């Protein structure tokens, strides 16, 4: 069984992901750092690790409802 991709809530339209944010050893165990832009959908997913970044208060933020 695989775990669902992580969801990260953010206040910024521009985010970076290296796949190793929660890994103690750091980016060596993740993937190359990429910069992503959240669009009108209110979220963006990393092409490497599928981590989803959701803009707080945006259309994809279920917590705001």
N, C-alpha and C. Protein backbone atom coordinates (compact mmCIF):
# COMPACT_ATOMS: atom_id res chain seq x y z
N UNK A 1 0.84 -1.18 0.00
CA UNK A 1 0.00 0.00 0.00
C UNK A 1 0.88 1.24 0.00
N UNK A 2 0.53 2.23 -0.83
CA UNK A 2 1.30 3.47 -0.89
C UNK A 2 0.55 4.57 -0.17
N UNK A 3 1.31 5.51 0.36
CA UNK A 3 0.72 6.65 1.05
C UNK A 3 0.26 7.69 0.04
N UNK A 4 -0.79 8.42 0.37
CA UNK A 4 -1.26 9.50 -0.48
C UNK A 4 -0.22 10.62 -0.47
N UNK A 5 -0.10 11.36 -1.58
CA UNK A 5 0.84 12.49 -1.60
C UNK A 5 0.50 13.51 -0.52
N UNK A 6 1.51 14.17 -0.03
CA UNK A 6 1.35 15.18 1.02
C UNK A 6 0.69 16.44 0.45
N UNK A 7 -0.13 17.10 1.27
CA UNK A 7 -0.71 18.39 0.91
C UNK A 7 -0.11 19.45 1.82
N UNK A 8 0.38 20.52 1.20
CA UNK A 8 1.01 21.62 1.93
C UNK A 8 0.19 22.88 1.67
N UNK A 9 -0.24 23.56 2.73
CA UNK A 9 -0.98 24.81 2.58
C UNK A 9 -0.01 25.97 2.67
N UNK A 10 -0.18 26.96 1.78
CA UNK A 10 0.77 28.06 1.69
C UNK A 10 0.04 29.37 1.47
N UNK A 11 0.70 30.47 1.80
CA UNK A 11 0.15 31.82 1.57
C UNK A 11 0.75 32.45 0.31
N UNK A 12 1.66 31.76 -0.35
CA UNK A 12 2.37 32.30 -1.50
C UNK A 12 1.96 31.60 -2.79
N UNK A 13 1.89 32.37 -3.89
CA UNK A 13 1.58 31.80 -5.20
C UNK A 13 2.78 31.06 -5.78
N UNK A 14 3.97 31.36 -5.29
CA UNK A 14 5.20 30.73 -5.80
C UNK A 14 5.81 29.90 -4.67
N UNK A 15 6.01 28.62 -4.94
CA UNK A 15 6.55 27.70 -3.92
C UNK A 15 7.69 26.89 -4.51
N UNK A 16 8.54 26.36 -3.64
CA UNK A 16 9.61 25.47 -4.10
C UNK A 16 9.40 24.10 -3.46
N UNK A 17 9.87 23.08 -4.16
CA UNK A 17 9.77 21.72 -3.64
C UNK A 17 11.07 20.99 -3.97
N UNK A 18 11.62 20.28 -2.99
CA UNK A 18 12.79 19.45 -3.23
C UNK A 18 12.54 18.01 -2.79
N UNK A 19 11.31 17.73 -2.40
CA UNK A 19 10.93 16.37 -2.01
C UNK A 19 11.51 15.89 -0.71
N UNK A 20 12.23 16.75 0.00
CA UNK A 20 12.91 16.31 1.21
C UNK A 20 12.65 17.23 2.39
N UNK A 21 11.59 17.98 2.36
CA UNK A 21 11.33 18.94 3.42
C UNK A 21 11.28 18.29 4.79
N UNK A 22 10.68 17.11 4.88
CA UNK A 22 10.53 16.44 6.17
C UNK A 22 11.57 15.35 6.40
N UNK A 23 12.54 15.22 5.49
CA UNK A 23 13.58 14.20 5.63
C UNK A 23 14.78 14.80 6.36
N UNK A 24 15.18 14.19 7.43
CA UNK A 24 16.24 14.74 8.26
C UNK A 24 17.56 14.92 7.51
N UNK A 25 17.89 14.02 6.58
CA UNK A 25 19.15 14.12 5.84
C UNK A 25 19.12 15.19 4.77
N UNK A 26 17.95 15.71 4.44
CA UNK A 26 17.85 16.82 3.50
C UNK A 26 17.66 16.38 2.05
N UNK A 27 17.96 17.31 1.14
CA UNK A 27 17.65 17.15 -0.28
C UNK A 27 18.38 15.98 -0.94
N UNK A 28 19.44 15.47 -0.35
CA UNK A 28 20.15 14.34 -0.95
C UNK A 28 19.23 13.14 -1.12
N UNK A 29 18.18 13.07 -0.31
CA UNK A 29 17.25 11.96 -0.42
C UNK A 29 15.96 12.34 -1.14
N UNK A 30 15.87 13.57 -1.62
CA UNK A 30 14.67 14.05 -2.29
C UNK A 30 14.84 14.07 -3.79
N UNK A 31 14.55 15.21 -4.40
CA UNK A 31 14.69 15.40 -5.85
C UNK A 31 15.23 16.81 -6.08
N UNK A 32 15.60 17.15 -7.32
CA UNK A 32 16.09 18.51 -7.57
C UNK A 32 15.03 19.55 -7.18
N UNK A 33 15.48 20.67 -6.63
CA UNK A 33 14.54 21.73 -6.24
C UNK A 33 13.90 22.32 -7.49
N UNK A 34 12.58 22.42 -7.45
CA UNK A 34 11.82 23.03 -8.54
C UNK A 34 10.96 24.15 -7.95
N UNK A 35 10.72 25.17 -8.75
CA UNK A 35 9.85 26.27 -8.37
C UNK A 35 8.54 26.11 -9.12
N UNK A 36 7.43 26.25 -8.40
CA UNK A 36 6.10 26.03 -8.96
C UNK A 36 5.24 27.25 -8.73
N UNK A 37 4.31 27.52 -9.67
CA UNK A 37 3.38 28.64 -9.56
C UNK A 37 1.96 28.11 -9.39
N UNK A 38 1.26 28.59 -8.38
CA UNK A 38 -0.13 28.23 -8.16
C UNK A 38 -0.98 29.10 -9.08
N UNK A 39 -1.85 28.46 -9.87
CA UNK A 39 -2.66 29.19 -10.84
C UNK A 39 -4.08 29.41 -10.34
N UNK A 40 -5.00 29.70 -11.24
CA UNK A 40 -6.38 30.03 -10.87
C UNK A 40 -7.13 28.87 -10.22
N UNK A 41 -6.62 27.65 -10.35
CA UNK A 41 -7.25 26.50 -9.68
C UNK A 41 -7.01 26.54 -8.17
N UNK A 42 -5.98 27.27 -7.75
CA UNK A 42 -5.68 27.40 -6.33
C UNK A 42 -4.72 26.36 -5.80
N UNK A 43 -4.15 25.54 -6.68
CA UNK A 43 -3.18 24.55 -6.24
C UNK A 43 -2.23 24.20 -7.39
N UNK A 44 -1.13 23.56 -7.04
CA UNK A 44 -0.18 23.03 -8.01
C UNK A 44 0.42 21.77 -7.42
N UNK A 45 0.75 20.81 -8.28
CA UNK A 45 1.36 19.56 -7.83
C UNK A 45 2.77 19.44 -8.38
N UNK A 46 3.67 18.95 -7.55
CA UNK A 46 5.06 18.74 -7.96
C UNK A 46 5.12 17.57 -8.94
N UNK A 47 5.81 17.75 -10.03
CA UNK A 47 5.95 16.72 -11.05
C UNK A 47 6.84 15.57 -10.62
N UNK A 48 7.67 15.78 -9.59
CA UNK A 48 8.54 14.72 -9.11
C UNK A 48 7.88 13.85 -8.04
N UNK A 49 7.34 14.49 -7.01
CA UNK A 49 6.87 13.73 -5.85
C UNK A 49 5.36 13.80 -5.64
N UNK A 50 4.65 14.52 -6.50
CA UNK A 50 3.19 14.66 -6.42
C UNK A 50 2.71 15.42 -5.20
N UNK A 51 3.60 16.05 -4.45
CA UNK A 51 3.18 16.87 -3.32
C UNK A 51 2.30 17.99 -3.86
N UNK A 52 1.17 18.23 -3.19
CA UNK A 52 0.22 19.26 -3.63
C UNK A 52 0.35 20.49 -2.74
N UNK A 53 0.51 21.65 -3.38
CA UNK A 53 0.58 22.92 -2.67
C UNK A 53 -0.72 23.66 -2.92
N UNK A 54 -1.44 23.99 -1.83
CA UNK A 54 -2.75 24.63 -1.91
C UNK A 54 -2.64 26.04 -1.34
N UNK A 55 -3.16 27.01 -2.09
CA UNK A 55 -3.16 28.40 -1.64
C UNK A 55 -4.25 28.60 -0.60
N UNK A 56 -3.86 29.06 0.59
CA UNK A 56 -4.84 29.32 1.65
C UNK A 56 -5.84 30.38 1.20
N UNK A 57 -7.12 30.08 1.38
CA UNK A 57 -8.17 31.01 0.99
C UNK A 57 -8.51 30.96 -0.49
N UNK A 58 -7.80 30.13 -1.26
CA UNK A 58 -8.04 30.01 -2.69
C UNK A 58 -9.15 29.01 -2.99
N UNK A 59 -9.48 28.82 -4.27
CA UNK A 59 -10.59 27.95 -4.65
C UNK A 59 -10.41 26.48 -4.25
N UNK A 60 -9.19 26.02 -4.06
CA UNK A 60 -8.95 24.62 -3.71
C UNK A 60 -8.82 24.40 -2.20
N UNK A 61 -8.89 25.48 -1.43
CA UNK A 61 -8.71 25.38 0.02
C UNK A 61 -10.02 24.97 0.67
N UNK A 62 -10.13 23.70 1.05
CA UNK A 62 -11.34 23.18 1.69
C UNK A 62 -11.46 23.67 3.13
N UNK A 63 -10.35 24.10 3.72
CA UNK A 63 -10.37 24.59 5.09
C UNK A 63 -11.03 25.96 5.18
N UNK A 64 -11.04 26.72 4.08
CA UNK A 64 -11.60 28.07 4.09
C UNK A 64 -13.12 28.04 4.07
N UNK A 65 -13.69 26.93 3.64
CA UNK A 65 -15.15 26.85 3.51
C UNK A 65 -15.82 26.68 4.85
